[in-house]
Protein backbone atom coordinates (compact mmCIF):
# COMPACT_ATOMS: atom_id res chain seq x y z
CA MET A 1 70.05 -106.91 108.06
CA PRO A 2 72.72 -105.61 110.51
CA ALA A 3 70.58 -102.58 111.44
CA ALA A 4 67.67 -104.89 112.28
CA LEU A 5 70.00 -106.98 114.42
CA ILE A 6 71.22 -103.94 116.33
CA ASN A 7 67.66 -102.74 116.97
CA ASN A 8 66.75 -106.13 118.44
CA ALA A 9 69.73 -106.36 120.82
CA ILE A 10 68.54 -107.08 124.38
CA ARG A 11 70.45 -107.76 127.58
CA ILE A 12 68.89 -109.07 130.80
CA TYR A 13 70.34 -108.19 134.21
CA PHE A 14 69.09 -111.21 136.16
CA ASN A 15 70.34 -110.05 139.58
CA SER A 16 68.34 -106.83 139.38
CA VAL A 17 65.07 -108.45 138.26
CA PHE A 18 65.10 -110.87 141.21
CA GLY A 19 64.57 -107.86 143.50
CA MET A 20 61.23 -106.94 141.91
CA ALA A 21 58.11 -106.80 144.09
CA ASP A 22 55.98 -108.77 141.60
CA ALA A 23 56.25 -112.46 142.62
CA GLY A 24 54.95 -113.70 139.26
CA MET A 25 57.55 -111.67 137.38
CA VAL A 26 60.36 -112.89 139.66
CA GLN A 27 59.28 -116.52 139.19
CA MET A 28 59.21 -116.10 135.42
CA PHE A 29 62.80 -114.80 135.45
CA LYS A 30 63.86 -117.65 137.76
CA ASP A 31 62.32 -120.15 135.31
CA LEU A 32 64.14 -118.41 132.46
CA GLU A 33 67.43 -118.55 134.38
CA SER A 34 66.92 -122.25 135.21
CA SER A 35 66.33 -123.00 131.52
CA GLY A 36 70.03 -122.39 130.81
CA LEU A 37 69.68 -119.29 128.62
CA CYS A 38 71.50 -116.91 131.01
CA GLY A 39 74.83 -116.84 129.16
CA PHE A 40 73.03 -116.00 125.93
CA LEU A 41 70.71 -113.34 127.38
CA ARG A 42 73.13 -111.52 129.68
CA CYS A 43 76.03 -111.14 127.26
CA SER A 44 77.13 -107.74 126.02
CA SER A 45 79.57 -106.58 123.39
CA ALA A 46 80.43 -103.52 121.35
CA ILE A 47 78.60 -103.73 118.03
CA TYR A 48 80.64 -103.07 114.89
CA GLU A 49 78.24 -102.62 112.00
CA ALA A 50 80.98 -102.83 109.34
CA SER A 51 82.06 -106.22 110.73
CA LEU A 52 78.47 -107.45 110.70
CA VAL A 53 78.04 -106.40 107.06
CA GLU A 54 81.27 -108.18 106.12
CA PHE A 55 80.25 -111.26 108.14
CA PHE A 56 76.96 -111.55 106.21
CA HIS A 57 78.61 -110.84 102.87
CA ASN A 58 81.10 -113.72 103.29
CA VAL A 59 79.08 -116.24 105.32
CA SER A 60 78.14 -119.78 104.31
CA VAL A 61 77.28 -123.09 105.98
CA ILE A 62 79.73 -125.91 105.24
CA ASP A 63 79.67 -129.33 106.94
CA ASN A 64 77.25 -128.08 109.61
CA LYS A 65 79.56 -125.15 110.48
CA VAL A 66 79.03 -121.44 109.90
CA VAL A 67 82.07 -120.20 107.96
CA SER A 68 82.95 -116.58 107.20
CA ALA A 69 85.77 -114.04 107.04
CA VAL A 70 85.99 -110.60 108.63
CA GLN A 71 88.90 -108.19 108.02
CA GLY A 72 90.85 -110.94 106.24
CA LYS A 73 90.49 -113.38 109.13
CA SER A 74 88.70 -116.65 108.35
CA PHE A 75 86.85 -118.53 111.05
CA GLU A 76 84.32 -121.31 111.49
CA ILE A 77 81.68 -121.70 114.17
CA SER A 78 80.57 -125.21 115.07
CA GLU A 79 77.59 -126.12 117.24
CA GLU A 80 80.05 -126.96 120.05
CA VAL A 81 81.82 -123.59 119.80
CA PHE A 82 78.47 -121.77 119.69
CA ALA A 83 77.11 -123.61 122.75
CA GLY A 84 80.38 -123.23 124.67
CA THR A 85 80.67 -119.50 123.98
CA PHE A 86 77.28 -118.81 125.60
CA GLU A 87 77.42 -121.66 128.17
CA LEU A 88 74.27 -123.19 126.70
CA PRO A 89 72.92 -126.62 127.72
CA THR A 90 73.65 -129.33 125.15
CA GLU A 91 71.18 -131.90 126.45
CA GLY A 92 67.40 -131.88 126.44
CA LEU A 93 64.61 -131.41 123.91
CA THR A 94 65.48 -130.19 120.44
CA ASP A 95 61.94 -130.26 119.03
CA MET A 96 59.28 -128.07 120.64
CA HIS A 97 56.59 -130.50 119.48
CA ASP A 98 57.98 -133.01 122.00
CA VAL A 99 56.86 -130.81 124.92
CA SER A 100 54.33 -132.80 126.94
CA LYS A 101 50.67 -132.16 126.04
CA ASP A 102 49.84 -132.10 129.78
CA LEU A 103 52.42 -129.37 130.35
CA VAL A 104 51.02 -127.32 127.48
CA PHE A 105 47.47 -127.86 128.78
CA ASP A 106 48.47 -126.53 132.22
CA ALA A 107 50.31 -123.57 130.67
CA ARG A 108 47.24 -122.58 128.66
CA SER A 109 45.46 -121.62 131.90
CA ALA A 110 48.58 -120.60 133.90
CA PHE A 111 49.50 -117.98 131.28
CA SER A 112 45.94 -116.65 130.97
CA THR A 113 44.82 -113.38 132.59
CA ASP A 114 41.42 -114.84 133.50
CA GLY A 115 42.37 -118.50 134.06
CA GLN A 116 40.53 -119.60 130.93
CA GLN A 117 42.32 -121.92 128.51
CA LEU A 118 44.27 -119.96 125.89
CA GLN A 119 44.88 -121.19 122.37
CA THR A 120 48.55 -121.97 121.76
CA SER A 121 48.51 -119.24 119.11
CA CYS A 122 46.92 -116.19 120.69
CA LYS A 123 47.04 -112.46 121.22
CA LYS A 124 49.56 -111.41 123.83
CA ARG A 125 47.01 -109.19 125.63
CA LYS A 126 45.21 -112.33 126.84
CA MET A 127 48.27 -113.33 128.88
CA LYS A 128 49.49 -112.30 132.31
CA PHE A 129 52.11 -109.55 132.17
CA GLU A 130 55.04 -111.79 133.11
CA PHE A 131 54.26 -114.15 130.24
CA ARG A 132 53.81 -111.26 127.81
CA LEU A 133 57.32 -110.23 128.78
CA LEU A 134 58.63 -113.80 128.41
CA ASN A 135 57.09 -113.90 124.94
CA ASP A 136 58.80 -110.61 124.03
CA ILE A 137 62.18 -111.80 125.35
CA LEU A 138 62.00 -115.01 123.30
CA ALA A 139 60.66 -113.18 120.24
CA LYS A 140 63.46 -110.60 120.28
CA THR A 141 66.41 -112.76 121.34
CA VAL A 142 65.77 -116.41 120.49
CA THR A 143 63.58 -116.44 117.40
CA VAL A 144 64.19 -112.76 116.51
CA LYS A 145 61.68 -112.37 113.71
CA ASP A 146 60.54 -109.15 112.10
CA GLY A 147 56.96 -107.98 112.42
CA SER A 148 54.42 -107.53 115.19
CA PHE A 149 55.06 -108.90 118.65
CA ASP A 150 51.34 -108.71 119.52
CA ALA A 151 50.77 -112.34 118.57
CA VAL A 152 52.19 -115.40 120.30
CA SER A 153 53.19 -118.11 117.82
CA HIS A 154 52.45 -121.78 118.50
CA GLU A 155 56.17 -122.64 118.59
CA ARG A 156 56.93 -119.82 121.03
CA PHE A 157 54.02 -120.90 123.25
CA LEU A 158 55.51 -124.41 123.38
CA MET A 159 58.91 -122.93 124.24
CA MET A 160 57.34 -120.82 127.01
CA SER A 161 55.50 -123.90 128.33
CA ALA A 162 58.78 -125.83 128.49
CA ILE A 163 60.57 -123.00 130.33
CA HIS A 164 57.66 -122.51 132.75
CA GLY A 165 57.44 -126.27 133.36
CA GLY A 166 61.17 -126.73 133.99
CA VAL A 167 61.77 -128.92 130.93
CA MET A 168 65.42 -129.04 129.89
CA LEU A 169 65.94 -127.73 126.37
CA ASN A 170 69.05 -128.27 124.27
CA TRP A 171 69.56 -124.54 123.72
CA GLY A 172 72.96 -125.16 122.13
CA ARG A 173 71.39 -127.05 119.23
CA LEU A 174 68.16 -125.03 119.03
CA LEU A 175 69.94 -121.68 118.80
CA PHE A 176 72.65 -122.99 116.46
CA ILE A 177 69.92 -124.19 114.07
CA ILE A 178 68.40 -120.69 114.17
CA PHE A 179 71.87 -119.21 113.60
CA LYS A 180 72.42 -121.44 110.54
CA ASP A 181 68.96 -120.58 109.19
CA MET A 182 69.81 -116.91 109.57
CA VAL A 183 72.90 -117.17 107.37
CA THR A 184 71.43 -119.55 104.77
CA PRO A 185 70.37 -117.36 101.80
CA ALA A 186 67.33 -119.51 100.94
CA LEU A 187 65.96 -119.19 104.49
CA LYS A 188 67.13 -116.03 106.29
CA GLN A 189 63.87 -115.90 108.26
CA ALA A 190 65.30 -115.72 111.76
CA GLN A 191 68.10 -113.66 113.25
CA VAL A 192 70.46 -114.05 116.17
CA SER A 193 71.09 -110.74 117.91
CA ALA A 194 74.02 -108.59 116.78
CA VAL A 195 75.49 -108.76 120.29
CA GLN A 196 75.84 -112.53 120.12
CA ILE A 197 77.35 -112.40 116.61
CA CYS A 198 79.92 -109.80 117.70
CA ILE A 199 80.94 -112.04 120.62
CA LEU A 200 81.42 -114.96 118.20
CA LEU A 201 83.59 -112.76 115.95
CA LYS A 202 86.06 -112.00 118.77
């Protein structure tokens, strides 16, 4: 698992992307910045693979906290610590299915290359370039799932619709849930990037 995490590590330099000539791309990054994910997406850290292996070997979820030990040092990560570390919003939607149907309806044509209504689960090639990139960013940093990035999942489409529409999301809770799922042996379907884990281990 640590190698997969390292391969998926992404960092976004927001100041540099705002200087791009493509207005659609700039607007997409502004929407992403306004969503409150900046602290999570722009962070960087040295990645220590041995520490990641030890983290996963010792990790468990107890009383809604992620608990582990690395190099003999025990620590626990609560939702509050997680959100505070990455300056994530702690208010807003926590369920993507609560995103307004009208907002999703508008996004289905706004994201489309030809203006036709997209399905909420579709092939990425049917989307404008800026929304293909937004899909990739979310796929590799927020949901971080293995496999092809050619397809846009229904949940990710709803997330993109919320970001594009300026809906406040409770990223602190959403990402902490993903983090807990990642370290729960029965689930382990999603992954938080190695960079973010290394920051939490400091």
